[in-house]
Amino acid sequence: MKEINVSGQKREDLGKKASKVLRKEGLVPCNLYGEAKQDGKPVALAFASPMSELRKIVYTPHIYVIRLIIDGEEHTAILKELQFHPVTDALLHVDFFEVNDQKPITIGIPVKLVGLAQGVRDGGRMNLSIRKINVTAPYQQIPEHLDIDVTKLTIGKSIKVGELSYEGLELATGKDVVVCSIKMTRQAATTTVTEAVDSEEEKEEASAE
């Protein structure tokens, strides 16, 4: 995965009122979760980061390993959860999850279809059912995207997660989940019928001769 730096500052004042003040100042309340727990519950490091910093990791199709620099202290993390305002879509809160070299993580990786499917050549339409597949692995081994060769995929056929495999990655999405498929279009159906009729006529002509 690509790496990116995001800066922040610890916040002592918590709660809705303090969060509103931060947002007015162009800052977004954030939490960093890691291995630390108290009474069986995860303990969060509360901090705030400028919206200008967060924009580069939130509004993008890419996934990143994030180097959080909080008051000069560096943490390696990934995005855990984003909260948006239900009406304005403004970013309200961000949760991060701290990662390390030893412990595998589970994260959704974007799917990238490679090649021109035979079914599309025949007039069908490619249907992408899921845009990400969850994988489990140490973060250093996780790629930016998962390539899926669709060249041989024909009309009416699909590719399921269980048919895929990637070295060093454990696929955490269900095996029966359909990743992509080729749907029959009206044009393809018409072409198929026409070809069938032509074939029958050729057979009849050959028999008559």
C-alpha atoms as a PDB file:
ATOM      1  CA  MET A   1       0.000   0.000   0.000  1.00  0.00           C
ATOM      2  CA  LYS A   2       1.027   3.598  -0.486  1.00  0.00           C
ATOM      3  CA  GLU A   3       2.113   5.570   2.554  1.00  0.00           C
ATOM      4  CA  ILE A   4       1.005   9.068   3.461  1.00  0.00           C
ATOM      5  CA  ASN A   5       1.647  11.427   6.378  1.00  0.00           C
ATOM      6  CA  VAL A   6      -1.127  13.048   8.402  1.00  0.00           C
ATOM      7  CA  SER A   7      -0.445  15.440  11.269  1.00  0.00           C
ATOM      8  CA  GLY A   8      -2.545  16.045  14.361  1.00  0.00           C
ATOM      9  CA  GLN A   9      -2.589  17.301  17.904  1.00  0.00           C
ATOM     10  CA  LYS A  10      -3.838  15.643  21.076  1.00  0.00           C
ATOM     11  CA  ARG A  11      -7.133  16.901  22.439  1.00  0.00           C
ATOM     12  CA  GLU A  12      -7.941  17.010  26.114  1.00  0.00           C
ATOM     13  CA  ASP A  13     -11.448  18.467  25.921  1.00  0.00           C
ATOM     14  CA  LEU A  14     -13.880  15.805  24.748  1.00  0.00           C
ATOM     15  CA  GLY A  15     -17.613  15.802  24.130  1.00  0.00           C
ATOM     16  CA  LYS A  16     -19.994  17.406  21.623  1.00  0.00           C
ATOM     17  CA  LYS A  17     -19.361  21.005  22.617  1.00  0.00           C
ATOM     18  CA  ALA A  18     -15.585  20.675  22.308  1.00  0.00           C
ATOM     19  CA  SER A  19     -15.977  18.852  18.962  1.00  0.00           C
ATOM     20  CA  LYS A  20     -18.126  21.672  17.556  1.00  0.00           C
ATOM     21  CA  VAL A  21     -15.459  24.200  18.504  1.00  0.00           C
ATOM     22  CA  LEU A  22     -12.797  22.127  16.731  1.00  0.00           C
ATOM     23  CA  ARG A  23     -14.856  21.874  13.546  1.00  0.00           C
ATOM     24  CA  LYS A  24     -15.374  25.640  13.469  1.00  0.00           C
ATOM     25  CA  GLU A  25     -11.581  25.952  13.544  1.00  0.00           C
ATOM     26  CA  GLY A  26     -11.213  23.616  10.532  1.00  0.00           C
ATOM     27  CA  LEU A  27     -10.211  20.621  12.645  1.00  0.00           C
ATOM     28  CA  VAL A  28     -11.819  17.179  12.742  1.00  0.00           C
ATOM     29  CA  PRO A  29     -12.032  15.125  15.974  1.00  0.00           C
ATOM     30  CA  CYS A  30     -10.230  11.772  15.616  1.00  0.00           C
ATOM     31  CA  ASN A  31      -9.494   8.676  17.673  1.00  0.00           C
ATOM     32  CA  LEU A  32      -6.592   6.255  17.322  1.00  0.00           C
ATOM     33  CA  TYR A  33      -7.302   2.720  18.556  1.00  0.00           C
ATOM     34  CA  GLY A  34      -4.602   0.133  19.153  1.00  0.00           C
ATOM     35  CA  GLU A  35      -3.732  -2.783  21.392  1.00  0.00           C
ATOM     36  CA  ALA A  36      -4.343  -0.915  24.661  1.00  0.00           C
ATOM     37  CA  LYS A  37      -7.527  -1.885  26.529  1.00  0.00           C
ATOM     38  CA  GLN A  38      -9.187  -0.933  29.782  1.00  0.00           C
ATOM     39  CA  ASP A  39     -11.850  -3.141  31.392  1.00  0.00           C
ATOM     40  CA  GLY A  40     -11.896  -5.183  28.178  1.00  0.00           C
ATOM     41  CA  LYS A  41     -12.659  -2.162  25.987  1.00  0.00           C
ATOM     42  CA  PRO A  42     -10.277  -0.492  23.508  1.00  0.00           C
ATOM     43  CA  VAL A  43      -8.619   2.689  24.757  1.00  0.00           C
ATOM     44  CA  ALA A  44      -8.484   5.518  22.231  1.00  0.00           C
ATOM     45  CA  LEU A  45      -5.936   8.269  21.802  1.00  0.00           C
ATOM     46  CA  ALA A  46      -8.045  11.374  21.143  1.00  0.00           C
ATOM     47  CA  PHE A  47      -6.610  13.929  18.752  1.00  0.00           C
ATOM     48  CA  ALA A  48      -7.665  16.415  16.096  1.00  0.00           C
ATOM     49  CA  SER A  49      -6.402  16.838  12.550  1.00  0.00           C
ATOM     50  CA  PRO A  50      -6.919  19.638  10.012  1.00  0.00           C
ATOM     51  CA  MET A  51      -9.515  18.930   7.340  1.00  0.00           C
ATOM     52  CA  SER A  52      -6.871  19.880   4.776  1.00  0.00           C
ATOM     53  CA  GLU A  53      -4.773  16.921   5.997  1.00  0.00           C
ATOM     54  CA  LEU A  54      -7.633  14.405   6.121  1.00  0.00           C
ATOM     55  CA  ARG A  55      -9.020  15.300   2.715  1.00  0.00           C
ATOM     56  CA  LYS A  56      -6.172  13.487   0.945  1.00  0.00           C
ATOM     57  CA  ILE A  57      -7.024  10.131   2.594  1.00  0.00           C
ATOM     58  CA  VAL A  58     -10.827  10.421   2.788  1.00  0.00           C
ATOM     59  CA  TYR A  59     -11.857  11.632  -0.665  1.00  0.00           C
ATOM     60  CA  THR A  60      -9.889   9.115  -2.712  1.00  0.00           C
ATOM     61  CA  PRO A  61     -10.429   5.588  -4.067  1.00  0.00           C
ATOM     62  CA  HIS A  62      -6.948   4.604  -2.865  1.00  0.00           C
ATOM     63  CA  ILE A  63      -6.066   2.987   0.437  1.00  0.00           C
ATOM     64  CA  TYR A  64      -3.072   4.066   2.458  1.00  0.00           C
ATOM     65  CA  VAL A  65      -0.833   3.143   5.337  1.00  0.00           C
ATOM     66  CA  ILE A  66      -1.010   6.361   7.328  1.00  0.00           C
ATOM     67  CA  ARG A  67       1.882   7.796   9.294  1.00  0.00           C
ATOM     68  CA  LEU A  68       0.070   9.745  11.989  1.00  0.00           C
ATOM     69  CA  ILE A  69       2.295  12.391  13.516  1.00  0.00           C
ATOM     70  CA  ILE A  70       0.538  13.483  16.707  1.00  0.00           C
ATOM     71  CA  ASP A  71       2.405  16.176  18.649  1.00  0.00           C
ATOM     72  CA  GLY A  72       5.625  14.901  17.094  1.00  0.00           C
ATOM     73  CA  GLU A  73       4.976  11.251  17.998  1.00  0.00           C
ATOM     74  CA  GLU A  74       4.638   8.866  15.047  1.00  0.00           C
ATOM     75  CA  HIS A  75       2.036   6.095  14.772  1.00  0.00           C
ATOM     76  CA  THR A  76       1.420   3.703  11.863  1.00  0.00           C
ATOM     77  CA  ALA A  77      -2.288   3.278  11.182  1.00  0.00           C
ATOM     78  CA  ILE A  78      -5.089   2.604   8.708  1.00  0.00           C
ATOM     79  CA  LEU A  79      -8.535   4.165   8.408  1.00  0.00           C
ATOM     80  CA  LYS A  80     -11.085   2.364  10.585  1.00  0.00           C
ATOM     81  CA  GLU A  81     -14.299   4.383  10.314  1.00  0.00           C
ATOM     82  CA  LEU A  82     -15.576   7.677   8.929  1.00  0.00           C
ATOM     83  CA  GLN A  83     -18.594   9.606  10.179  1.00  0.00           C
ATOM     84  CA  PHE A  84     -20.349  12.157   7.972  1.00  0.00           C
ATOM     85  CA  HIS A  85     -23.174  14.613   8.636  1.00  0.00           C
ATOM     86  CA  PRO A  86     -26.406  12.989   7.360  1.00  0.00           C
ATOM     87  CA  VAL A  87     -27.525  16.157   5.542  1.00  0.00           C
ATOM     88  CA  THR A  88     -24.417  18.121   4.532  1.00  0.00           C
ATOM     89  CA  ASP A  89     -22.021  15.134   4.142  1.00  0.00           C
ATOM     90  CA  ALA A  90     -19.430  17.113   6.108  1.00  0.00           C
ATOM     91  CA  LEU A  91     -16.782  14.942   7.763  1.00  0.00           C
ATOM     92  CA  LEU A  92     -17.568  14.799  11.486  1.00  0.00           C
ATOM     93  CA  HIS A  93     -15.220  12.213  12.958  1.00  0.00           C
ATOM     94  CA  VAL A  94     -12.467   9.773  11.957  1.00  0.00           C
ATOM     95  CA  ASP A  95     -11.333   6.592  13.702  1.00  0.00           C
ATOM     96  CA  PHE A  96      -7.902   5.121  12.981  1.00  0.00           C
ATOM     97  CA  PHE A  97      -6.520   1.695  13.881  1.00  0.00           C
ATOM     98  CA  GLU A  98      -2.850   1.352  14.808  1.00  0.00           C
ATOM     99  CA  VAL A  99      -0.941  -1.432  13.032  1.00  0.00           C
ATOM    100  CA  ASN A 100       2.433  -3.075  13.517  1.00  0.00           C
ATOM    101  CA  ASP A 101       4.840  -5.376  11.669  1.00  0.00           C
ATOM    102  CA  GLN A 102       3.757  -8.577  13.401  1.00  0.00           C
ATOM    103  CA  LYS A 103      -0.028  -8.613  13.661  1.00  0.00           C
ATOM    104  CA  PRO A 104      -2.085  -9.195  10.464  1.00  0.00           C
ATOM    105  CA  ILE A 105      -4.909  -6.765   9.705  1.00  0.00           C
ATOM    106  CA  THR A 106      -8.141  -7.174   7.744  1.00  0.00           C
ATOM    107  CA  ILE A 107      -8.957  -4.442   5.250  1.00  0.00           C
ATOM    108  CA  GLY A 108     -10.998  -3.962   2.074  1.00  0.00           C
ATOM    109  CA  ILE A 109      -8.865  -3.778  -1.086  1.00  0.00           C
ATOM    110  CA  PRO A 110     -10.221  -2.282  -4.344  1.00  0.00           C
ATOM    111  CA  VAL A 111     -10.897  -4.705  -7.201  1.00  0.00           C
ATOM    112  CA  LYS A 112      -9.330  -4.022 -10.609  1.00  0.00           C
ATOM    113  CA  LEU A 113     -10.690  -5.930 -13.615  1.00  0.00           C
ATOM    114  CA  VAL A 114      -7.962  -6.715 -16.150  1.00  0.00           C
ATOM    115  CA  GLY A 115      -8.543  -7.463 -19.826  1.00  0.00           C
ATOM    116  CA  LEU A 116     -11.521  -7.295 -22.195  1.00  0.00           C
ATOM    117  CA  ALA A 117     -13.956 -10.090 -21.391  1.00  0.00           C
ATOM    118  CA  GLN A 118     -15.095 -12.398 -24.194  1.00  0.00           C
ATOM    119  CA  GLY A 119     -18.673 -11.812 -23.076  1.00  0.00           C
ATOM    120  CA  VAL A 120     -18.267  -8.073 -23.587  1.00  0.00           C
ATOM    121  CA  ARG A 121     -16.815  -8.732 -27.052  1.00  0.00           C
ATOM    122  CA  ASP A 122     -19.964 -10.736 -27.763  1.00  0.00           C
ATOM    123  CA  GLY A 123     -22.190  -7.819 -26.802  1.00  0.00           C
ATOM    124  CA  GLY A 124     -22.742  -8.549 -23.102  1.00  0.00           C
ATOM    125  CA  ARG A 125     -22.393  -6.066 -20.261  1.00  0.00           C
ATOM    126  CA  MET A 126     -19.880  -6.322 -17.437  1.00  0.00           C
ATOM    127  CA  ASN A 127     -21.467  -6.085 -13.995  1.00  0.00           C
ATOM    128  CA  LEU A 128     -19.175  -5.366 -11.022  1.00  0.00           C
ATOM    129  CA  SER A 129     -20.994  -6.587  -7.908  1.00  0.00           C
ATOM    130  CA  ILE A 130     -18.442  -5.553  -5.261  1.00  0.00           C
ATOM    131  CA  ARG A 131     -15.757  -2.916  -5.447  1.00  0.00           C
ATOM    132  CA  LYS A 132     -13.598  -4.233  -2.594  1.00  0.00           C
ATOM    133  CA  ILE A 133     -12.586  -7.632  -1.229  1.00  0.00           C
ATOM    134  CA  ASN A 134     -11.559  -8.000   2.408  1.00  0.00           C
ATOM    135  CA  VAL A 135      -8.109  -9.507   2.866  1.00  0.00           C
ATOM    136  CA  THR A 136      -6.080 -10.446   5.943  1.00  0.00           C
ATOM    137  CA  ALA A 137      -2.285 -10.078   6.007  1.00  0.00           C
ATOM    138  CA  PRO A 138       0.518  -8.023   7.567  1.00  0.00           C
ATOM    139  CA  TYR A 139       0.043  -4.492   6.271  1.00  0.00           C
ATOM    140  CA  GLN A 140       3.368  -4.539   4.370  1.00  0.00           C
ATOM    141  CA  GLN A 141       2.074  -7.371   2.143  1.00  0.00           C
ATOM    142  CA  ILE A 142      -1.239  -5.757   1.240  1.00  0.00           C
ATOM    143  CA  PRO A 143      -1.376  -4.442  -2.358  1.00  0.00           C
ATOM    144  CA  GLU A 144      -3.051  -1.261  -3.582  1.00  0.00           C
ATOM    145  CA  HIS A 145      -5.589  -3.287  -5.582  1.00  0.00           C
ATOM    146  CA  LEU A 146      -6.486  -6.867  -6.503  1.00  0.00           C
ATOM    147  CA  ASP A 147      -6.130  -7.668 -10.215  1.00  0.00           C
ATOM    148  CA  ILE A 148      -8.753 -10.036 -11.648  1.00  0.00           C
ATOM    149  CA  ASP A 149      -8.298 -11.378 -15.191  1.00  0.00           C
ATOM    150  CA  VAL A 150     -11.710 -11.369 -16.907  1.00  0.00           C
ATOM    151  CA  THR A 151     -10.513 -12.114 -20.435  1.00  0.00           C
ATOM    152  CA  LYS A 152     -12.160 -15.553 -20.659  1.00  0.00           C
ATOM    153  CA  LEU A 153     -15.401 -14.582 -18.900  1.00  0.00           C
ATOM    154  CA  THR A 154     -18.403 -15.248 -21.168  1.00  0.00           C
ATOM    155  CA  ILE A 155     -22.049 -14.151 -21.147  1.00  0.00           C
ATOM    156  CA  GLY A 156     -23.998 -15.593 -18.229  1.00  0.00           C
ATOM    157  CA  LYS A 157     -20.855 -16.488 -16.285  1.00  0.00           C
ATOM    158  CA  SER A 158     -19.425 -14.936 -13.120  1.00  0.00           C
ATOM    159  CA  ILE A 159     -16.321 -14.895 -10.955  1.00  0.00           C
ATOM    160  CA  LYS A 160     -16.712 -15.593  -7.240  1.00  0.00           C
ATOM    161  CA  VAL A 161     -14.310 -14.791  -4.423  1.00  0.00           C
ATOM    162  CA  GLY A 162     -13.664 -18.509  -3.887  1.00  0.00           C
ATOM    163  CA  GLU A 163     -12.144 -18.766  -7.376  1.00  0.00           C
ATOM    164  CA  LEU A 164      -9.466 -16.186  -6.547  1.00  0.00           C
ATOM    165  CA  SER A 165      -6.158 -16.552  -4.759  1.00  0.00           C
ATOM    166  CA  TYR A 166      -3.253 -14.210  -4.065  1.00  0.00           C
ATOM    167  CA  GLU A 167       0.098 -15.126  -2.603  1.00  0.00           C
ATOM    168  CA  GLY A 168       0.476 -14.028   0.999  1.00  0.00           C
ATOM    169  CA  LEU A 169      -3.150 -12.912   1.328  1.00  0.00           C
ATOM    170  CA  GLU A 170      -6.075 -14.594   3.062  1.00  0.00           C
ATOM    171  CA  LEU A 171      -9.379 -13.597   1.497  1.00  0.00           C
ATOM    172  CA  ALA A 172     -11.826 -12.682   4.261  1.00  0.00           C
ATOM    173  CA  THR A 173     -14.873 -12.047   2.064  1.00  0.00           C
ATOM    174  CA  GLY A 174     -17.224 -15.032   1.676  1.00  0.00           C
ATOM    175  CA  LYS A 175     -16.274 -17.539  -1.023  1.00  0.00           C
ATOM    176  CA  ASP A 176     -19.743 -17.481  -2.624  1.00  0.00           C
ATOM    177  CA  VAL A 177     -19.791 -13.703  -3.056  1.00  0.00           C
ATOM    178  CA  VAL A 178     -19.924 -12.767  -6.756  1.00  0.00           C
ATOM    179  CA  VAL A 179     -17.267 -10.259  -7.750  1.00  0.00           C
ATOM    180  CA  CYS A 180     -18.302  -9.690 -11.357  1.00  0.00           C
ATOM    181  CA  SER A 181     -20.451 -11.227 -14.070  1.00  0.00           C
ATOM    182  CA  ILE A 182     -21.430 -10.765 -17.709  1.00  0.00           C
ATOM    183  CA  LYS A 183     -25.089  -9.933 -18.262  1.00  0.00           C
ATOM    184  CA  MET A 184     -26.962 -10.625 -21.480  1.00  0.00           C
ATOM    185  CA  THR A 185     -28.044  -7.433 -23.235  1.00  0.00           C
ATOM    186  CA  ARG A 186     -30.872  -7.004 -25.705  1.00  0.00           C
ATOM    187  CA  GLN A 187     -28.336  -6.529 -28.491  1.00  0.00           C
ATOM    188  CA  ALA A 188     -26.480  -9.711 -27.544  1.00  0.00           C
ATOM    189  CA  ALA A 189     -29.741 -11.659 -27.304  1.00  0.00           C
ATOM    190  CA  THR A 190     -30.816 -10.447 -30.748  1.00  0.00           C
ATOM    191  CA  THR A 191     -27.440 -11.383 -32.195  1.00  0.00           C
ATOM    192  CA  THR A 192     -27.646 -14.859 -30.667  1.00  0.00           C
ATOM    193  CA  VAL A 193     -31.121 -15.459 -32.096  1.00  0.00           C
ATOM    194  CA  THR A 194     -30.054 -14.201 -35.535  1.00  0.00           C
ATOM    195  CA  GLU A 195     -26.993 -16.442 -35.537  1.00  0.00           C
ATOM    196  CA  ALA A 196     -29.141 -19.424 -34.541  1.00  0.00           C
ATOM    197  CA  VAL A 197     -31.632 -18.728 -37.357  1.00  0.00           C
ATOM    198  CA  ASP A 198     -28.834 -18.301 -39.885  1.00  0.00           C
ATOM    199  CA  SER A 199     -27.304 -21.571 -38.746  1.00  0.00           C
ATOM    200  CA  GLU A 200     -30.612 -23.432 -39.195  1.00  0.00           C
ATOM    201  CA  GLU A 201     -31.116 -21.944 -42.658  1.00  0.00           C
ATOM    202  CA  GLU A 202     -27.605 -22.999 -43.662  1.00  0.00           C
ATOM    203  CA  LYS A 203     -28.342 -26.545 -42.502  1.00  0.00           C
ATOM    204  CA  GLU A 204     -31.615 -26.639 -44.466  1.00  0.00           C
ATOM    205  CA  GLU A 205     -29.897 -25.345 -47.607  1.00  0.00           C
ATOM    206  CA  ALA A 206     -27.164 -27.958 -47.224  1.00  0.00           C
ATOM    207  CA  SER A 207     -29.790 -30.709 -46.871  1.00  0.00           C
ATOM    208  CA  ALA A 208     -31.680 -29.502 -49.950  1.00  0.00           C
ATOM    209  CA  GLU A 209     -28.542 -29.677 -52.039  1.00  0.00           C
END
